[in-house]
Amino acid sequence: MLKEERQRLIEELLKNNSVISNADILNLSNVTEMTIRRDLKEMEEKGLLVRIHGGAKSINTDVDETNQKKNLAISVSVQSIDHRKNMLHNLSPKKLMKVIPFF
């Protein structure tokens, strides 16, 4: 994998997670840990991330927290929809007609 591809991968991982580990990057990029360290050092020097022990964290944690909150809201909404679907599925036809308005 080329350096530019690895660094794009690292940026994408940091968009979805506020912290990533060297192991995460290694599993996806198939390069040595030393290569990952060099990439992270270069990206930190460019101001794209902050290196931490064993990985890196996003510079913009506010955006990451917002994304995490959005993901949580979506997850809760999906669970709510699934619950409602199961409730409707278990209703008898008579009760179902009372719940669903027909125009």
N, C-alpha and C. Protein backbone atom coordinates (compact mmCIF):
# COMPACT_ATOMS: atom_id res chain seq x y z
N MET A 1 0.85 -1.17 0.00
CA MET A 1 0.00 0.00 0.00
C MET A 1 0.90 1.24 0.00
N LEU A 2 0.58 2.17 -0.85
CA LEU A 2 1.36 3.41 -0.95
C LEU A 2 1.13 4.31 0.26
N LYS A 3 2.11 5.18 0.52
CA LYS A 3 2.04 6.08 1.67
C LYS A 3 0.77 6.92 1.65
N GLU A 4 0.44 7.47 0.49
CA GLU A 4 -0.76 8.32 0.38
C GLU A 4 -2.02 7.52 0.71
N GLU A 5 -2.07 6.28 0.26
CA GLU A 5 -3.24 5.42 0.55
C GLU A 5 -3.33 5.14 2.04
N ARG A 6 -2.19 4.83 2.66
CA ARG A 6 -2.18 4.56 4.10
C ARG A 6 -2.64 5.78 4.89
N GLN A 7 -2.13 6.94 4.50
CA GLN A 7 -2.49 8.14 5.24
C GLN A 7 -3.96 8.51 5.04
N ARG A 8 -4.51 8.25 3.86
CA ARG A 8 -5.96 8.45 3.65
C ARG A 8 -6.74 7.48 4.53
N LEU A 9 -6.25 6.23 4.61
CA LEU A 9 -6.89 5.23 5.46
C LEU A 9 -6.89 5.70 6.92
N ILE A 10 -5.77 6.20 7.38
CA ILE A 10 -5.67 6.68 8.76
C ILE A 10 -6.64 7.84 8.99
N GLU A 11 -6.72 8.76 8.03
CA GLU A 11 -7.66 9.88 8.15
C GLU A 11 -9.10 9.39 8.23
N GLU A 12 -9.45 8.40 7.40
CA GLU A 12 -10.81 7.85 7.42
C GLU A 12 -11.10 7.16 8.75
N LEU A 13 -10.13 6.40 9.25
CA LEU A 13 -10.32 5.74 10.54
C LEU A 13 -10.55 6.77 11.65
N LEU A 14 -9.82 7.87 11.59
CA LEU A 14 -9.98 8.91 12.62
C LEU A 14 -11.28 9.68 12.47
N LYS A 15 -11.86 9.71 11.27
CA LYS A 15 -13.17 10.36 11.10
C LYS A 15 -14.25 9.55 11.81
N ASN A 16 -14.09 8.22 11.80
CA ASN A 16 -15.10 7.35 12.38
C ASN A 16 -14.85 7.03 13.85
N ASN A 17 -13.62 7.17 14.30
CA ASN A 17 -13.25 6.87 15.69
C ASN A 17 -12.34 7.98 16.18
N SER A 18 -12.50 8.40 17.41
CA SER A 18 -11.65 9.48 17.91
C SER A 18 -10.24 9.00 18.21
N VAL A 19 -10.08 7.70 18.45
CA VAL A 19 -8.77 7.12 18.73
C VAL A 19 -8.61 5.84 17.92
N ILE A 20 -7.43 5.65 17.34
CA ILE A 20 -7.13 4.41 16.62
C ILE A 20 -5.81 3.86 17.12
N SER A 21 -5.65 2.56 17.02
CA SER A 21 -4.40 1.93 17.47
C SER A 21 -3.55 1.56 16.27
N ASN A 22 -2.26 1.40 16.53
CA ASN A 22 -1.36 0.93 15.48
C ASN A 22 -1.84 -0.42 14.95
N ALA A 23 -2.35 -1.27 15.84
CA ALA A 23 -2.83 -2.59 15.43
C ALA A 23 -3.98 -2.47 14.44
N ASP A 24 -4.89 -1.51 14.65
CA ASP A 24 -5.99 -1.30 13.71
C ASP A 24 -5.46 -0.99 12.32
N ILE A 25 -4.48 -0.10 12.27
CA ILE A 25 -3.91 0.31 10.98
C ILE A 25 -3.15 -0.86 10.35
N LEU A 26 -2.40 -1.59 11.18
CA LEU A 26 -1.64 -2.74 10.67
C LEU A 26 -2.55 -3.77 10.02
N ASN A 27 -3.67 -4.06 10.67
CA ASN A 27 -4.60 -5.06 10.14
C ASN A 27 -5.16 -4.67 8.78
N LEU A 28 -5.31 -3.38 8.55
CA LEU A 28 -5.92 -2.91 7.30
C LEU A 28 -4.91 -2.55 6.21
N SER A 29 -3.66 -2.35 6.59
CA SER A 29 -2.71 -1.85 5.59
C SER A 29 -1.63 -2.85 5.21
N ASN A 30 -1.40 -3.87 6.02
CA ASN A 30 -0.42 -4.91 5.70
C ASN A 30 0.99 -4.33 5.51
N VAL A 31 1.41 -3.44 6.42
CA VAL A 31 2.77 -2.89 6.41
C VAL A 31 3.35 -3.08 7.82
N THR A 32 4.62 -2.77 7.98
CA THR A 32 5.25 -2.94 9.29
C THR A 32 4.81 -1.85 10.26
N GLU A 33 4.99 -2.14 11.53
CA GLU A 33 4.63 -1.15 12.55
C GLU A 33 5.52 0.09 12.45
N MET A 34 6.76 -0.10 12.05
CA MET A 34 7.67 1.05 11.88
C MET A 34 7.13 1.99 10.79
N THR A 35 6.60 1.42 9.72
CA THR A 35 6.01 2.24 8.65
C THR A 35 4.84 3.04 9.19
N ILE A 36 4.01 2.39 10.00
CA ILE A 36 2.86 3.08 10.60
C ILE A 36 3.34 4.22 11.49
N ARG A 37 4.36 3.96 12.28
CA ARG A 37 4.89 5.01 13.17
C ARG A 37 5.40 6.21 12.36
N ARG A 38 6.09 5.93 11.26
CA ARG A 38 6.59 7.03 10.42
C ARG A 38 5.43 7.83 9.84
N ASP A 39 4.39 7.12 9.37
CA ASP A 39 3.22 7.81 8.82
C ASP A 39 2.57 8.70 9.88
N LEU A 40 2.39 8.16 11.08
CA LEU A 40 1.76 8.92 12.15
C LEU A 40 2.61 10.14 12.54
N LYS A 41 3.93 9.95 12.58
CA LYS A 41 4.81 11.07 12.91
C LYS A 41 4.68 12.17 11.86
N GLU A 42 4.70 11.78 10.59
CA GLU A 42 4.57 12.77 9.51
C GLU A 42 3.23 13.48 9.56
N MET A 43 2.17 12.72 9.82
CA MET A 43 0.83 13.32 9.87
C MET A 43 0.70 14.25 11.08
N GLU A 44 1.34 13.90 12.19
CA GLU A 44 1.31 14.77 13.36
C GLU A 44 2.04 16.08 13.06
N GLU A 45 3.17 15.98 12.38
CA GLU A 45 3.93 17.19 12.02
C GLU A 45 3.12 18.11 11.11
N LYS A 46 2.23 17.52 10.31
CA LYS A 46 1.36 18.31 9.42
C LYS A 46 0.13 18.83 10.16
N GLY A 47 -0.03 18.43 11.43
CA GLY A 47 -1.17 18.89 12.22
C GLY A 47 -2.45 18.14 11.95
N LEU A 48 -2.35 16.91 11.41
CA LEU A 48 -3.54 16.14 11.06
C LEU A 48 -4.04 15.25 12.19
N LEU A 49 -3.18 14.96 13.17
CA LEU A 49 -3.54 14.09 14.28
C LEU A 49 -2.59 14.32 15.43
N VAL A 50 -2.87 13.65 16.54
CA VAL A 50 -1.98 13.67 17.70
C VAL A 50 -1.58 12.23 17.97
N ARG A 51 -0.28 11.98 18.04
CA ARG A 51 0.17 10.63 18.35
C ARG A 51 0.01 10.37 19.84
N ILE A 52 -0.41 9.17 20.17
CA ILE A 52 -0.51 8.73 21.55
C ILE A 52 0.18 7.37 21.63
N HIS A 53 0.39 6.87 22.83
CA HIS A 53 1.06 5.58 22.99
C HIS A 53 0.27 4.49 22.28
N GLY A 54 0.88 3.88 21.28
CA GLY A 54 0.24 2.77 20.56
C GLY A 54 -0.74 3.17 19.49
N GLY A 55 -0.78 4.45 19.12
CA GLY A 55 -1.72 4.85 18.08
C GLY A 55 -1.80 6.35 17.89
N ALA A 56 -3.01 6.82 17.61
CA ALA A 56 -3.21 8.25 17.35
C ALA A 56 -4.64 8.63 17.72
N LYS A 57 -4.83 9.93 17.95
CA LYS A 57 -6.18 10.43 18.18
C LYS A 57 -6.43 11.63 17.28
N SER A 58 -7.68 11.88 17.04
CA SER A 58 -8.10 12.96 16.16
C SER A 58 -7.82 14.31 16.79
N ILE A 59 -7.46 15.26 15.96
CA ILE A 59 -7.28 16.65 16.41
C ILE A 59 -8.63 17.25 16.77
N ASN A 60 -9.62 16.99 15.94
CA ASN A 60 -10.94 17.61 16.09
C ASN A 60 -11.87 16.67 16.84
N THR A 61 -11.76 16.63 18.16
CA THR A 61 -12.60 15.73 18.94
C THR A 61 -14.05 16.19 19.00
N ASP A 62 -14.31 17.51 18.80
CA ASP A 62 -15.69 17.99 18.79
C ASP A 62 -16.48 17.34 17.66
N VAL A 63 -15.87 17.28 16.48
CA VAL A 63 -16.53 16.65 15.34
C VAL A 63 -16.72 15.17 15.61
N ASP A 64 -15.71 14.53 16.19
CA ASP A 64 -15.82 13.11 16.50
C ASP A 64 -16.95 12.85 17.49
N GLU A 65 -17.04 13.69 18.52
CA GLU A 65 -18.12 13.52 19.50
C GLU A 65 -19.48 13.71 18.84
N THR A 66 -19.58 14.67 17.93
CA THR A 66 -20.83 14.88 17.21
C THR A 66 -21.18 13.66 16.38
N ASN A 67 -20.20 13.10 15.67
CA ASN A 67 -20.44 11.90 14.87
C ASN A 67 -20.85 10.73 15.75
N GLN A 68 -20.21 10.58 16.91
CA GLN A 68 -20.56 9.50 17.81
C GLN A 68 -21.99 9.67 18.33
N LYS A 69 -22.38 10.91 18.63
CA LYS A 69 -23.75 11.17 19.09
C LYS A 69 -24.75 10.87 17.99
N LYS A 70 -24.42 11.23 16.74
CA LYS A 70 -25.30 10.93 15.62
C LYS A 70 -25.44 9.42 15.45
N ASN A 71 -24.32 8.70 15.53
CA ASN A 71 -24.36 7.25 15.39
C ASN A 71 -25.21 6.62 16.49
N LEU A 72 -25.09 7.14 17.71
CA LEU A 72 -25.90 6.63 18.82
C LEU A 72 -27.38 6.91 18.57
N ALA A 73 -27.70 8.11 18.11
CA ALA A 73 -29.10 8.46 17.83
C ALA A 73 -29.67 7.56 16.74
N ILE A 74 -28.90 7.29 15.72
CA ILE A 74 -29.36 6.40 14.64
C ILE A 74 -29.59 5.00 15.19
N SER A 75 -28.68 4.52 16.01
CA SER A 75 -28.81 3.19 16.59
C SER A 75 -30.07 3.08 17.44
N VAL A 76 -30.33 4.08 18.27
CA VAL A 76 -31.53 4.09 19.11
C VAL A 76 -32.78 4.13 18.25
N SER A 77 -32.77 4.92 17.18
CA SER A 77 -33.92 5.01 16.29
C SER A 77 -34.21 3.68 15.62
N VAL A 78 -33.16 3.02 15.17
CA VAL A 78 -33.33 1.71 14.51
C VAL A 78 -33.90 0.71 15.49
N GLN A 79 -33.40 0.71 16.73
CA GLN A 79 -33.94 -0.20 17.74
C GLN A 79 -35.41 0.09 18.01
N SER A 80 -35.77 1.36 18.06
CA SER A 80 -37.16 1.75 18.28
C SER A 80 -38.05 1.27 17.14
N ILE A 81 -37.57 1.45 15.92
CA ILE A 81 -38.34 1.00 14.75
C ILE A 81 -38.51 -0.51 14.78
N ASP A 82 -37.44 -1.24 15.09
CA ASP A 82 -37.52 -2.70 15.17
C ASP A 82 -38.53 -3.13 16.24
N HIS A 83 -38.52 -2.43 17.38
CA HIS A 83 -39.45 -2.76 18.46
C HIS A 83 -40.89 -2.54 18.00
N ARG A 84 -41.15 -1.41 17.35
CA ARG A 84 -42.50 -1.13 16.85
C ARG A 84 -42.93 -2.15 15.81
N LYS A 85 -42.00 -2.51 14.93
CA LYS A 85 -42.31 -3.49 13.90
C LYS A 85 -42.71 -4.82 14.54
N ASN A 86 -41.96 -5.23 15.56
CA ASN A 86 -42.28 -6.49 16.24
C ASN A 86 -43.63 -6.41 16.94
N MET A 87 -43.93 -5.25 17.53
CA MET A 87 -45.23 -5.09 18.19
C MET A 87 -46.36 -5.22 17.18
N LEU A 88 -46.24 -4.56 16.04
CA LEU A 88 -47.28 -4.63 15.02
C LEU A 88 -47.40 -6.03 14.44
N HIS A 89 -46.28 -6.70 14.29
CA HIS A 89 -46.28 -8.05 13.72
C HIS A 89 -47.05 -9.02 14.61
N ASN A 90 -47.02 -8.79 15.92
CA ASN A 90 -47.66 -9.70 16.87
C ASN A 90 -49.14 -9.39 17.11
N LEU A 91 -49.66 -8.31 16.53
CA LEU A 91 -51.06 -7.96 16.73
C LEU A 91 -51.97 -8.80 15.84
N SER A 92 -53.17 -9.04 16.35
CA SER A 92 -54.17 -9.74 15.54
C SER A 92 -54.67 -8.78 14.46
N PRO A 93 -55.25 -9.29 13.38
CA PRO A 93 -55.75 -8.41 12.31
C PRO A 93 -56.74 -7.36 12.83
N LYS A 94 -57.63 -7.73 13.78
CA LYS A 94 -58.60 -6.77 14.31
C LYS A 94 -57.90 -5.61 15.02
N LYS A 95 -56.96 -5.95 15.89
CA LYS A 95 -56.23 -4.92 16.62
C LYS A 95 -55.36 -4.10 15.68
N LEU A 96 -54.83 -4.73 14.67
CA LEU A 96 -53.99 -4.04 13.71
C LEU A 96 -54.79 -2.98 12.96
N MET A 97 -56.04 -3.29 12.64
CA MET A 97 -56.90 -2.32 11.94
C MET A 97 -57.20 -1.11 12.81
N LYS A 98 -57.24 -1.31 14.13
CA LYS A 98 -57.47 -0.18 15.04
C LYS A 98 -56.24 0.71 15.14
N VAL A 99 -55.07 0.11 15.03
CA VAL A 99 -53.82 0.86 15.20
C VAL A 99 -53.45 1.62 13.93
N ILE A 100 -53.67 1.00 12.77
CA ILE A 100 -53.29 1.62 11.50
C ILE A 100 -54.51 2.28 10.88
N PRO A 101 -54.48 3.59 10.72
CA PRO A 101 -55.63 4.27 10.11
C PRO A 101 -55.68 4.01 8.60
N PHE A 102 -56.88 3.74 8.12
CA PHE A 102 -57.07 3.56 6.68
C PHE A 102 -57.84 4.75 6.15
N PHE A 103 -57.41 5.28 5.03
CA PHE A 103 -58.03 6.47 4.46
C PHE A 103 -58.95 6.11 3.33
